[in-house]
Amino acid sequence: MIDLRSDTVTRPSPAMLQAMVSAPLGDDVMGDDPTVIQLQQAVAERAGKVAGLFFPSGTQSNLAGLMAHCERGDEYLVGQQAHTYKYEGGGAAVLASIQPQPIEHAEDGSLPLEKLAAALKPEGDPHFARTRLLALENTFHGKLIPADYVRAATDWARGHGLATHLDGARVFNAAVASGKPLAEMCQPFDSVSICFSKGLGAPVGSVLVGSAELIARARRWRKVLGGGLRQSGVLAAACLYALEHNVERLAQDHANARLLADGLRGITGVRVLSQDTNMVFAEFEPARCDALTAALAADGILMRAVYGGPTRLVTHLDVSSADVRRVIEAVARHLR
C-alpha cells in the first residue's frame, strides 16, 4: 500500500521498534524516566533551548505552550489556516479560555505585519482581550516561511511585549530544506513544539522546548490536560531513534515530492498548484475525482482527490521513488 494522505501514516521500522522494546524506563510523572529525560535534553540542545518536555501529541504540546504563555481572557495572534487555530479542536478557546485572533495569510504563508498591527489590542483597555502571544507555523502547507519574515515578525512581537511560539510540527523539514541547523530555525521563538510522528516516523510524540520557567509552567498544564504518562520512555525511545536516524533523510522525501509533481504535470486532467518540501498540492478533473480515488485505492494507492479544492499528496519515509513512479503511472492510466 502506498499512502499519500499524510506523513502521519508512517509505521515504526524494525530498528525503531527494537529501540522501544529495549529502552530503560522509569515514571515520567515523577520525573525519573531516563529515556524521556534523554530525549528532552537532546531535543532542547539541538533546538538551542534550555529545557524540553515530552508530550503524546503535537496538539497537546501546542496547547500547553499557549497556556504557559497566556492566562484566561488573553489573546494570541495566529494564522487563519494555522493548525493551532483551525485543526486542533479549538482547544485554546475551549479548554484554556484563550481567544485566538486569526489573521489572513499572505501567499507565502506569512502573516503580514500590517495585519498583525491592526489586530493588536490597546493595552489596558478593558473592552478587549489582552494580546499576549504571536504563534507562527513552519513549514506552512509545506512552504518554508522566509527567514527574513520570521525575524521581522518576532522582532515586531517583542517590540510590543508579546511572546512568540512556533508550531514546528515539520520544523525539521524546514531546517533540511533551508540547509540551516534546527537551532537557527528555533532561535527567534520563546517556545517551539517539535513533532516526531510525521516525517520523522515515530508512532507518537512531540517535544515542547523553551526556557526552564516556561517548561515548568507547561509541565503543570500537561498534567491538567491528561498528558502525564508513566513509563513513556517506551515512546520517547522511538523519538530518540528518529532524531538520530531520520532527520537528514527528509531530503529524500523532498526529492520524491518534486518527482511526483513533475510527473503529474504531464498528465491531462491534473493541475499541479505547488510543491514545497514533502507536499504536493494538485487539482484533478472535478467530474472524475471520486472515480480516480476509488480506482487508485483498488491499485493499492491511498489518496483523496478532492472535488472543488486542492488535493494534498504527502511523501514520507514509507514512500520510495519507485512508489512515486507507480503513482504517476496509475494516475495517467486512470485519467487516460
Protein backbone atom coordinates (compact mmCIF):
# COMPACT_ATOMS: atom_id res chain seq x y z
CA MET A 1 0.00 0.00 0.00
CA ILE A 2 1.25 3.47 -0.95
CA ASP A 3 -0.31 6.03 1.37
CA LEU A 4 -0.02 9.67 0.29
CA ARG A 5 -2.69 11.07 2.59
CA SER A 6 -0.20 12.40 5.15
CA ASP A 7 3.23 11.85 6.65
CA THR A 8 1.46 10.86 9.87
CA VAL A 9 0.76 7.39 8.43
CA THR A 10 4.35 6.15 8.73
CA ARG A 11 5.00 2.91 10.60
CA PRO A 12 7.89 2.32 13.02
CA SER A 13 10.78 0.45 11.40
CA PRO A 14 12.02 -2.81 12.95
CA ALA A 15 15.05 -0.95 14.34
CA MET A 16 12.80 1.70 15.90
CA LEU A 17 10.60 -0.98 17.44
CA GLN A 18 13.68 -2.65 18.89
CA ALA A 19 14.78 0.64 20.42
CA MET A 20 11.36 0.95 22.04
CA VAL A 21 11.49 -2.59 23.43
CA SER A 22 14.94 -2.15 24.94
CA ALA A 23 14.51 1.38 26.35
CA PRO A 24 15.29 1.87 30.06
CA LEU A 25 12.15 3.08 31.81
CA GLY A 26 11.02 4.99 34.88
CA ASP A 27 7.99 7.07 35.87
CA ASP A 28 7.92 10.27 33.87
CA VAL A 29 5.22 11.89 36.03
CA MET A 30 7.70 11.56 38.89
CA GLY A 31 10.39 12.86 36.53
CA ASP A 32 12.66 9.82 36.58
CA ASP A 33 12.18 8.08 33.22
CA PRO A 34 15.75 8.08 31.87
CA THR A 35 14.75 7.74 28.21
CA VAL A 36 12.32 10.66 28.41
CA ILE A 37 14.96 12.76 30.14
CA GLN A 38 17.50 11.89 27.44
CA LEU A 39 15.05 12.85 24.67
CA GLN A 40 14.08 16.13 26.30
CA GLN A 41 17.70 17.13 26.78
CA ALA A 42 18.70 16.08 23.26
CA VAL A 43 15.89 17.99 21.57
CA ALA A 44 16.38 21.11 23.70
CA GLU A 45 20.09 21.11 22.93
CA ARG A 46 19.56 20.67 19.19
CA ALA A 47 16.90 23.41 19.21
CA GLY A 48 19.17 25.77 21.15
CA LYS A 49 16.83 25.97 24.14
CA VAL A 50 17.35 25.33 27.84
CA ALA A 51 14.66 22.73 28.50
CA GLY A 52 12.21 20.37 26.82
CA LEU A 53 9.04 18.49 27.76
CA PHE A 54 7.72 15.32 26.13
CA PHE A 55 4.06 15.18 25.03
CA PRO A 56 2.00 12.41 23.46
CA SER A 57 0.83 14.70 20.64
CA GLY A 58 1.61 17.94 18.87
CA THR A 59 -1.88 19.24 19.59
CA GLN A 60 -1.31 18.87 23.33
CA SER A 61 2.20 20.30 23.09
CA ASN A 62 0.91 23.38 21.27
CA LEU A 63 -1.95 23.84 23.73
CA ALA A 64 0.27 23.53 26.80
CA GLY A 65 2.65 26.01 25.19
CA LEU A 66 -0.15 28.51 24.64
CA MET A 67 -1.35 28.01 28.21
CA ALA A 68 2.17 28.54 29.56
CA HIS A 69 2.31 31.90 27.77
CA CYS A 70 -1.26 33.16 28.28
CA GLU A 71 -3.85 33.50 31.05
CA ARG A 72 -7.63 33.24 30.85
CA GLY A 73 -9.00 36.12 28.83
CA ASP A 74 -5.75 36.68 26.95
CA GLU A 75 -5.44 36.54 23.16
CA TYR A 76 -2.95 35.12 20.69
CA LEU A 77 -2.40 36.19 17.08
CA VAL A 78 -2.47 33.24 14.70
CA GLY A 79 -2.97 32.44 11.03
CA GLN A 80 -6.47 31.84 9.68
CA GLN A 81 -5.33 28.49 8.27
CA ALA A 82 -2.84 27.67 11.04
CA HIS A 83 -3.04 24.26 12.66
CA THR A 84 -3.34 25.60 16.22
CA TYR A 85 -6.37 27.64 15.18
CA LYS A 86 -8.18 25.53 12.59
CA TYR A 87 -7.26 21.90 13.19
CA GLU A 88 -6.81 21.44 16.94
CA GLY A 89 -10.43 21.37 18.07
CA GLY A 90 -10.50 24.96 19.32
CA GLY A 91 -8.58 23.81 22.38
CA ALA A 92 -7.12 27.21 23.24
CA ALA A 93 -10.59 28.74 23.44
CA VAL A 94 -12.48 25.73 24.80
CA LEU A 95 -10.02 24.47 27.42
CA ALA A 96 -7.82 27.47 28.19
CA SER A 97 -10.15 30.45 27.68
CA ILE A 98 -7.52 31.96 25.37
CA GLN A 99 -9.03 33.93 22.49
CA PRO A 100 -7.50 33.31 19.07
CA GLN A 101 -7.28 36.33 16.77
CA PRO A 102 -6.96 34.82 13.27
CA ILE A 103 -5.02 36.70 10.58
CA GLU A 104 -5.26 36.08 6.83
CA HIS A 105 -2.08 34.59 5.38
CA ALA A 106 -0.03 36.08 2.59
CA GLU A 107 0.70 33.86 -0.43
CA ASP A 108 3.96 32.65 1.11
CA GLY A 109 2.23 31.57 4.32
CA SER A 110 3.41 34.54 6.40
CA LEU A 111 1.16 36.86 8.41
CA PRO A 112 1.66 40.41 7.08
CA LEU A 113 3.00 42.74 9.76
CA GLU A 114 0.43 45.41 8.91
CA LYS A 115 -2.37 42.92 9.57
CA LEU A 116 -0.78 41.88 12.85
CA ALA A 117 -0.50 45.53 13.86
CA ALA A 118 -4.15 46.16 13.01
CA ALA A 119 -5.21 43.19 15.18
CA LEU A 120 -3.15 44.20 18.23
CA LYS A 121 -5.47 45.27 21.06
CA PRO A 122 -4.92 48.51 23.02
CA GLU A 123 -3.05 47.80 26.24
CA GLY A 124 -5.10 48.43 29.38
CA ASP A 125 -8.46 48.85 27.64
CA PRO A 126 -10.95 46.56 29.43
CA HIS A 127 -13.09 46.24 26.31
CA PHE A 128 -10.56 43.88 24.75
CA ALA A 129 -8.80 40.63 25.42
CA ARG A 130 -5.12 41.22 26.19
CA THR A 131 -2.88 40.37 23.24
CA ARG A 132 -0.06 38.29 24.69
CA LEU A 133 1.36 35.96 22.03
CA LEU A 134 2.21 35.58 18.34
CA ALA A 135 2.04 32.00 17.02
CA LEU A 136 3.60 31.07 13.69
CA GLU A 137 3.99 27.79 11.80
CA ASN A 138 6.99 26.49 9.83
CA THR A 139 6.59 24.78 7.43
CA PHE A 140 3.14 26.02 6.41
CA HIS A 141 1.35 23.81 3.85
CA GLY A 142 4.81 22.52 3.03
CA LYS A 143 6.16 26.03 2.42
CA LEU A 144 9.32 27.20 4.13
CA ILE A 145 8.47 30.53 5.77
CA PRO A 146 11.12 33.10 4.76
CA ALA A 147 13.75 33.62 7.45
CA ASP A 148 13.74 37.40 6.98
CA TYR A 149 10.00 37.46 7.66
CA VAL A 150 10.33 35.27 10.76
CA ARG A 151 12.95 37.61 12.17
CA ALA A 152 10.89 40.71 11.37
CA ALA A 153 7.69 39.24 12.83
CA THR A 154 9.28 38.06 16.07
CA ASP A 155 11.12 41.36 16.46
CA TRP A 156 7.80 43.15 15.96
CA ALA A 157 6.14 40.92 18.56
CA ARG A 158 8.81 41.54 21.18
CA GLY A 159 8.67 45.24 20.48
CA HIS A 160 5.02 45.11 21.52
CA GLY A 161 5.58 42.96 24.59
CA LEU A 162 4.36 39.72 23.01
CA ALA A 163 5.82 36.27 23.48
CA THR A 164 6.39 34.06 20.42
CA HIS A 165 5.52 30.42 19.79
CA LEU A 166 6.34 28.24 16.79
CA ASP A 167 4.20 25.29 15.80
CA GLY A 168 7.18 23.38 14.44
CA ALA A 169 5.35 20.19 13.54
CA ARG A 170 7.60 19.96 10.45
CA VAL A 171 10.39 22.31 11.52
CA PHE A 172 12.94 19.58 10.73
CA ASN A 173 11.66 19.67 7.14
CA ALA A 174 12.21 23.43 7.19
CA ALA A 175 15.72 23.00 8.54
CA VAL A 176 16.68 20.37 5.95
CA ALA A 177 15.12 22.35 3.09
CA SER A 178 16.93 25.55 4.08
CA GLY A 179 20.22 23.85 4.92
CA LYS A 180 20.20 25.57 8.31
CA PRO A 181 20.58 23.97 11.75
CA LEU A 182 17.47 23.43 13.84
CA ALA A 183 18.70 25.91 16.46
CA GLU A 184 18.72 28.69 13.87
CA MET A 185 15.11 27.92 12.92
CA CYS A 186 14.04 27.94 16.58
CA GLN A 187 16.17 30.84 17.87
CA PRO A 188 13.64 33.66 17.25
CA PHE A 189 10.92 31.92 19.30
CA ASP A 190 10.31 31.69 23.04
CA SER A 191 8.79 28.23 22.63
CA VAL A 192 8.70 25.62 19.86
CA SER A 193 6.60 22.46 19.54
CA ILE A 194 8.53 19.80 17.58
CA CYS A 195 6.69 16.75 16.28
CA PHE A 196 8.21 13.29 15.72
CA SER A 197 5.17 11.41 14.40
CA LYS A 198 5.20 12.90 10.91
CA GLY A 199 8.15 12.70 8.52
CA LEU A 200 10.47 11.51 11.27
CA GLY A 201 8.48 8.28 11.51
CA ALA A 202 7.81 7.85 15.24
CA PRO A 203 4.38 6.44 16.14
CA VAL A 204 3.60 9.28 18.60
CA GLY A 205 5.34 12.12 20.36
CA SER A 206 6.22 15.82 20.40
CA VAL A 207 8.63 17.87 22.48
CA LEU A 208 7.98 21.43 23.61
CA VAL A 209 11.19 23.43 24.11
CA GLY A 210 11.82 26.78 25.74
CA SER A 211 13.14 28.36 28.93
CA ALA A 212 13.21 26.45 32.21
CA GLU A 213 10.48 28.70 33.59
CA LEU A 214 8.16 28.19 30.62
CA ILE A 215 8.67 24.42 30.62
CA ALA A 216 7.89 24.30 34.34
CA ARG A 217 4.55 26.02 33.66
CA ALA A 218 3.89 23.72 30.70
CA ARG A 219 4.57 20.65 32.85
CA ARG A 220 1.71 21.58 35.15
CA TRP A 221 -0.63 22.16 32.22
CA ARG A 222 0.43 18.84 30.68
CA LYS A 223 -0.78 17.11 33.84
CA VAL A 224 -4.05 19.05 33.78
CA LEU A 225 -4.58 18.08 30.13
CA GLY A 226 -4.03 14.39 30.85
CA GLY A 227 -0.63 14.19 29.21
CA GLY A 228 1.30 12.92 32.21
CA LEU A 229 2.29 9.40 31.15
CA ARG A 230 4.14 6.91 33.31
CA GLN A 231 6.65 4.63 31.52
CA SER A 232 6.57 6.89 28.47
CA GLY A 233 10.21 6.14 27.73
CA VAL A 234 8.94 3.34 25.50
CA LEU A 235 7.52 6.11 23.28
CA ALA A 236 10.37 8.56 23.79
CA ALA A 237 12.77 5.86 22.56
CA ALA A 238 11.07 5.96 19.16
CA CYS A 239 11.56 9.73 19.03
CA LEU A 240 15.21 9.37 20.01
CA TYR A 241 15.72 6.84 17.24
CA ALA A 242 14.04 9.23 14.79
CA LEU A 243 16.23 12.11 15.95
CA GLU A 244 19.37 10.06 15.41
CA HIS A 245 18.45 8.33 12.12
CA ASN A 246 15.60 10.05 10.26
CA VAL A 247 16.38 13.76 10.06
CA GLU A 248 18.84 14.02 7.17
CA ARG A 249 16.82 11.57 5.08
CA LEU A 250 13.95 14.11 4.92
CA ALA A 251 15.77 15.45 1.86
CA GLN A 252 14.75 12.25 0.05
CA ASP A 253 11.08 12.96 0.84
CA HIS A 254 11.50 16.42 -0.65
CA ALA A 255 13.10 14.95 -3.77
CA ASN A 256 10.29 12.42 -4.11
CA ALA A 257 7.72 15.21 -3.85
CA ARG A 258 9.46 17.04 -6.70
CA LEU A 259 9.46 13.82 -8.73
CA LEU A 260 5.74 13.39 -8.07
CA ALA A 261 4.91 16.99 -9.02
CA ASP A 262 6.95 16.80 -12.22
CA GLY A 263 5.25 13.55 -13.21
CA LEU A 264 1.73 14.79 -12.53
CA ARG A 265 2.34 17.96 -14.57
CA GLY A 266 2.50 15.87 -17.71
CA ILE A 267 -0.94 14.28 -17.23
CA THR A 268 -4.09 15.70 -18.83
CA GLY A 269 -6.74 16.33 -16.17
CA VAL A 270 -4.22 17.24 -13.46
CA ARG A 271 -3.11 20.73 -12.48
CA VAL A 272 -0.20 20.95 -10.05
CA LEU A 273 -0.62 24.03 -7.87
CA SER A 274 2.54 23.84 -5.79
CA GLN A 275 5.27 21.60 -4.44
CA ASP A 276 7.23 22.54 -1.36
CA THR A 277 9.31 20.23 0.86
CA ASN A 278 7.33 16.96 1.07
CA MET A 279 3.90 18.19 -0.06
CA VAL A 280 2.30 18.41 -3.48
CA PHE A 281 -0.98 20.29 -3.94
CA ALA A 282 -2.89 19.50 -7.12
CA GLU A 283 -6.32 19.77 -8.70
CA PHE A 284 -7.89 16.87 -10.56
CA GLU A 285 -10.66 16.96 -13.15
CA PRO A 286 -13.70 17.51 -10.90
CA ALA A 287 -16.05 15.02 -12.56
CA ARG A 288 -13.52 12.22 -12.12
CA CYS A 289 -12.32 12.80 -8.55
CA ASP A 290 -14.41 10.11 -6.87
CA ALA A 291 -13.71 7.51 -9.56
CA LEU A 292 -9.99 8.28 -9.50
CA THR A 293 -9.84 7.96 -5.71
CA ALA A 294 -11.59 4.58 -5.85
CA ALA A 295 -9.53 3.28 -8.77
CA LEU A 296 -6.24 4.21 -7.10
CA ALA A 297 -7.36 2.57 -3.85
CA ALA A 298 -8.03 -0.61 -5.82
CA ASP A 299 -4.45 -0.33 -7.09
CA GLY A 300 -3.15 -0.03 -3.52
CA ILE A 301 -2.65 3.75 -3.59
CA LEU A 302 -4.33 5.83 -0.90
CA MET A 303 -5.13 9.46 -1.64
CA ARG A 304 -8.27 11.52 -1.83
CA ALA A 305 -8.86 13.54 -4.97
CA VAL A 306 -10.87 16.48 -3.66
CA TYR A 307 -13.74 17.92 -5.69
CA GLY A 308 -13.73 21.72 -5.66
CA GLY A 309 -10.45 22.12 -3.79
CA PRO A 310 -6.78 21.18 -3.79
CA THR A 311 -5.67 17.62 -3.11
CA ARG A 312 -2.67 17.25 -0.82
CA LEU A 313 -0.21 14.46 -1.60
CA VAL A 314 2.49 13.90 1.02
CA THR A 315 5.71 11.92 0.65
CA HIS A 316 7.39 10.31 3.65
CA LEU A 317 9.81 7.57 4.66
CA ASP A 318 7.38 4.80 3.65
CA VAL A 319 7.15 6.15 0.07
CA SER A 320 10.08 5.39 -2.25
CA SER A 321 10.94 6.91 -5.62
CA ALA A 322 9.72 3.66 -7.21
CA ASP A 323 6.40 4.14 -5.40
CA VAL A 324 6.16 7.67 -6.77
CA ARG A 325 6.69 6.44 -10.33
CA ARG A 326 4.00 3.83 -9.77
CA VAL A 327 1.58 6.54 -8.59
CA ILE A 328 2.30 8.70 -11.64
CA GLU A 329 1.72 5.76 -13.98
CA ALA A 330 -1.54 4.81 -12.22
CA VAL A 331 -2.94 8.36 -12.30
CA ALA A 332 -2.07 8.67 -16.00
CA ARG A 333 -3.68 5.32 -16.77
CA HIS A 334 -6.91 6.04 -14.95
CA LEU A 335 -7.28 9.56 -16.38
CA ARG A 336 -6.43 8.46 -19.91
